[in-house]
Protein backbone atom coordinates (compact mmCIF):
# COMPACT_ATOMS: atom_id res chain seq x y z
CA MET A 1 -18.02 -1.05 -5.75
CA LYS A 2 -15.55 0.01 -2.97
CA ILE A 3 -11.96 -0.96 -2.74
CA TYR A 4 -10.13 -0.77 0.57
CA PHE A 5 -6.55 -0.50 0.01
CA ILE A 6 -4.44 -1.66 3.25
CA ARG A 7 -0.92 -1.03 3.94
CA HIS A 8 0.57 -4.12 5.53
CA GLY A 9 1.67 -4.30 9.06
CA GLN A 10 5.14 -3.19 10.22
CA GLN A 11 7.87 -5.55 9.08
CA ASN A 12 10.77 -6.85 11.19
CA SER A 13 13.51 -5.13 9.27
CA ARG A 14 14.07 -1.41 8.39
CA LEU A 15 16.16 -2.25 5.35
CA CYS A 16 14.92 -0.93 2.07
CA ASN A 17 12.03 -3.20 0.76
CA VAL A 18 13.56 -6.63 1.83
CA ASP A 19 11.06 -9.53 1.90
CA VAL A 20 10.45 -10.23 5.38
CA ALA A 21 7.76 -11.14 7.69
CA LEU A 22 5.76 -8.97 10.25
CA SER A 23 7.30 -7.61 13.74
CA GLU A 24 5.35 -8.38 16.91
CA ILE A 25 4.21 -4.86 16.50
CA GLY A 26 3.01 -5.46 12.96
CA ARG A 27 0.79 -8.45 14.06
CA LEU A 28 -0.70 -6.29 16.83
CA GLN A 29 -1.39 -3.42 14.28
CA VAL A 30 -3.11 -6.03 11.94
CA ASN A 31 -5.23 -7.45 14.69
CA ARG A 32 -6.45 -4.08 15.68
CA LEU A 33 -7.23 -3.51 12.00
CA GLY A 34 -9.06 -6.80 11.65
CA LYS A 35 -11.45 -5.89 14.74
CA ARG A 36 -12.09 -2.60 12.91
CA LEU A 37 -13.04 -4.23 9.57
CA GLU A 38 -14.94 -7.38 10.72
CA CYS A 39 -18.14 -5.64 10.67
CA ILE A 40 -17.87 -4.98 6.84
CA ALA A 41 -19.05 -7.67 4.39
CA PHE A 42 -16.18 -8.06 2.00
CA ASP A 43 -16.57 -10.04 -1.17
CA LYS A 44 -12.79 -10.56 -1.94
CA LEU A 45 -9.42 -10.27 -0.30
CA TYR A 46 -6.37 -9.78 -2.46
CA CYS A 47 -2.71 -9.41 -1.43
CA SER A 48 0.75 -8.73 -2.69
CA ASN A 49 3.18 -11.69 -2.99
CA LEU A 50 5.61 -10.16 -0.56
CA ILE A 51 5.84 -11.86 2.78
CA ARG A 52 4.65 -9.01 4.95
CA ALA A 53 1.50 -8.49 2.86
CA LYS A 54 0.82 -12.11 2.79
CA GLU A 55 1.04 -12.44 6.45
CA THR A 56 -1.05 -9.41 6.99
CA ALA A 57 -3.84 -10.87 4.75
CA ASN A 58 -3.82 -14.04 6.54
CA ILE A 59 -4.47 -12.42 9.74
CA LEU A 60 -7.07 -10.35 8.35
CA SER A 61 -8.87 -13.30 6.71
CA GLU A 62 -9.64 -14.47 10.27
CA TYR A 63 -11.74 -11.31 10.88
CA ILE A 64 -13.29 -10.97 7.38
CA HIS A 65 -13.73 -14.52 6.33
CA GLN A 66 -12.27 -14.40 3.05
CA LYS A 67 -9.29 -16.57 1.62
CA PRO A 68 -6.33 -14.35 0.26
CA GLU A 69 -5.80 -14.28 -3.38
CA VAL A 70 -2.21 -13.54 -4.01
CA ASP A 71 -1.13 -11.22 -7.02
CA GLU A 72 2.38 -10.14 -7.65
CA ASN A 73 1.11 -7.13 -9.55
CA LEU A 74 0.05 -5.73 -6.10
CA ARG A 75 3.67 -5.77 -4.93
CA GLU A 76 5.61 -2.56 -3.55
CA ILE A 77 7.21 -0.23 -6.03
CA ASP A 78 10.72 -1.80 -7.09
CA PHE A 79 13.30 0.20 -5.51
CA GLY A 80 15.98 -1.15 -7.72
CA GLU A 81 19.61 -0.50 -6.38
CA LEU A 82 18.06 0.83 -3.15
CA THR A 83 16.74 -2.69 -2.12
CA GLY A 84 18.37 -4.04 0.85
CA ASN A 85 20.23 -0.81 2.07
CA THR A 86 19.64 1.32 5.01
CA ASP A 87 18.00 4.70 4.82
CA GLU A 88 21.37 6.34 5.62
CA GLU A 89 23.27 4.40 2.80
CA ASN A 90 20.67 5.36 0.38
CA LYS A 91 20.53 8.92 1.34
CA GLU A 92 24.16 9.20 0.94
CA LYS A 93 24.73 7.16 -2.25
CA TYR A 94 21.52 8.42 -4.07
CA SER A 95 21.39 11.80 -2.75
CA PHE A 96 20.94 13.13 -6.46
CA PHE A 97 17.92 10.93 -6.86
CA PHE A 98 16.16 12.18 -3.79
CA GLU A 99 16.97 15.79 -4.49
CA LYS A 100 15.18 15.47 -7.85
CA GLN A 101 12.27 13.45 -6.31
CA LYS A 102 11.79 16.00 -3.64
CA LYS A 103 10.90 18.65 -6.39
CA LYS A 104 7.91 16.61 -7.43
CA GLN A 105 8.19 17.51 -11.08
CA TRP A 106 9.08 14.31 -12.73
CA ASP A 107 7.87 10.71 -12.26
CA ILE A 108 11.44 9.42 -12.10
CA PRO A 109 12.15 5.53 -11.55
CA TYR A 110 14.31 4.59 -8.82
CA PRO A 111 17.82 3.60 -10.16
CA GLY A 112 17.23 0.22 -11.61
CA GLY A 113 13.69 0.17 -10.44
CA GLU A 114 10.15 1.53 -11.30
CA CYS A 115 8.34 4.81 -11.26
CA ALA A 116 4.91 5.33 -10.21
CA GLU A 117 3.48 5.01 -13.68
CA ASP A 118 5.08 1.57 -13.92
CA VAL A 119 3.38 0.42 -10.68
CA PHE A 120 -0.07 1.92 -11.93
CA LYS A 121 0.14 -0.01 -15.18
CA ARG A 122 0.60 -3.38 -13.49
CA GLY A 123 -1.79 -2.52 -10.73
CA SER A 124 -4.51 -1.73 -13.51
CA ILE A 125 -4.36 -5.36 -14.51
CA VAL A 126 -5.65 -6.52 -11.06
CA LEU A 127 -7.97 -3.54 -11.06
CA GLN A 128 -9.58 -4.45 -14.26
CA LYS A 129 -10.48 -7.80 -12.75
CA MET A 130 -12.11 -6.23 -9.81
CA ILE A 131 -14.15 -4.10 -12.15
CA GLU A 132 -15.31 -6.76 -14.12
CA SER A 133 -16.39 -8.84 -11.14
CA ASP A 134 -19.65 -8.68 -9.19
CA CYS A 135 -18.02 -7.69 -6.06
CA GLU A 136 -19.28 -4.71 -3.94
CA ARG A 137 -16.46 -4.51 -1.48
CA ILE A 138 -12.92 -5.59 -2.06
CA CYS A 139 -9.97 -5.62 0.38
CA VAL A 140 -6.48 -5.21 -1.11
CA VAL A 141 -3.38 -5.72 1.30
CA THR A 142 -0.50 -3.97 -0.42
CA HIS A 143 2.21 -1.37 0.09
CA GLY A 144 2.70 2.46 0.60
CA GLY A 145 4.43 3.11 -2.71
CA PHE A 146 1.74 1.21 -4.70
CA ILE A 147 -1.34 2.88 -2.83
CA ARG A 148 0.37 6.17 -3.73
CA ALA A 149 0.69 5.30 -7.51
CA MET A 150 -2.94 3.91 -7.72
CA ILE A 151 -4.55 6.83 -6.19
CA THR A 152 -2.70 9.29 -8.42
CA GLY A 153 -3.65 7.22 -11.47
CA LEU A 154 -7.14 6.61 -10.60
CA LEU A 155 -7.75 10.43 -10.05
CA GLY A 156 -6.08 11.48 -13.31
CA ILE A 157 -3.30 13.31 -11.50
CA ASP A 158 0.14 13.72 -13.06
CA PHE A 159 2.33 10.95 -11.71
CA SER A 160 5.03 13.47 -10.83
CA LYS A 161 2.88 14.58 -7.96
CA GLN A 162 2.29 10.96 -6.40
CA ARG A 163 4.42 11.83 -3.28
CA MET A 164 2.11 14.62 -2.40
CA PHE A 165 -0.32 11.84 -1.19
CA GLY A 166 1.09 11.41 2.30
CA ALA A 167 4.63 12.15 3.50
CA VAL A 168 4.16 8.95 5.71
CA LEU A 169 1.58 6.17 5.15
CA GLU A 170 0.98 4.40 8.53
CA ASN A 171 1.10 0.70 8.71
CA THR A 172 -2.39 -0.91 8.42
CA SER A 173 -3.76 2.24 7.23
CA ILE A 174 -6.93 2.29 5.12
CA THR A 175 -7.35 4.06 2.03
CA GLU A 176 -10.88 3.53 0.31
CA VAL A 177 -11.82 4.37 -3.21
CA ALA A 178 -15.29 4.16 -4.68
CA TYR A 179 -16.06 3.08 -8.29
CA ASP A 180 -19.10 4.34 -10.27
CA LYS A 181 -19.82 1.68 -12.75
CA GLU A 182 -22.17 4.11 -14.82
CA THR A 183 -19.39 6.75 -15.40
CA GLY A 184 -16.30 4.60 -15.00
CA LEU A 185 -14.76 7.05 -12.72
CA PHE A 186 -13.30 6.63 -9.13
CA SER A 187 -13.51 8.80 -6.05
CA LEU A 188 -11.35 8.80 -2.92
CA GLU A 189 -13.55 8.29 0.03
CA ARG A 190 -10.74 8.30 2.87
CA PHE A 191 -6.80 8.13 2.75
CA ASN A 192 -4.27 6.90 5.34
CA ASP A 193 -6.97 6.34 7.85
CA TYR A 194 -5.24 4.80 11.05
CA ALA A 195 -7.79 5.64 13.67
CA HIS A 196 -7.20 2.06 14.97
CA LEU A 197 -3.81 2.78 16.15
CA GLU A 198 -3.98 6.38 17.60
CA ASP A 199 -4.47 5.51 21.10
CA ASP A 200 -1.00 3.73 21.40
CA CYS A 201 1.80 5.70 20.11
CA LYS A 202 4.11 2.84 19.93
CA LEU A 203 2.08 1.53 16.93
CA LEU A 204 2.77 4.55 14.85
CA ARG A 205 5.71 4.83 12.40
CA GLY A 206 7.05 7.84 14.04
CA ASN A 207 8.09 5.70 16.95
CA TRP A 208 9.55 2.76 15.03
CA LYS A 209 13.08 1.92 16.35
């Protein structure tokens, strides 16, 4: 079985984890991704309950011909007190947290929010449903923090190292894992693959204004 974790398209706000729709750029990103995935025979399409993920999944459904199944356990990591703030506000007010996070020695929760292990535990509830299904290929539209936490847990790596998986995960990037039903083990087949965006720099996060 293969699971394709998809990061949602660009949202229309830069405030921390606000529940908003995609931007025009985000919809363009998703349509490019859809054209890339339309040749793959997916058996299931899951998505987070956040608006940007649901909208991404709805656009993708037109290409892969699967109706999205919404599951709140696929939502982004809870940023707690940082939610709704600008990056500048958070860096100033929670500098102590970011300094500790930067050292990658502890899996510390966001103030009033979750840590990576918390995310992996709830994500594993959905993952178990996938394992028990007869599906061969599953598409999961979710979020950057969720993807990092799941990859870290699936590979048996200490959760304090989860931010070593990509300083930046591009919007609509593909992270693919394979599950071996005989051994019960996962392997990482590709990570943060955004080849469908690379020919147009305005679609990359580094140019998000």
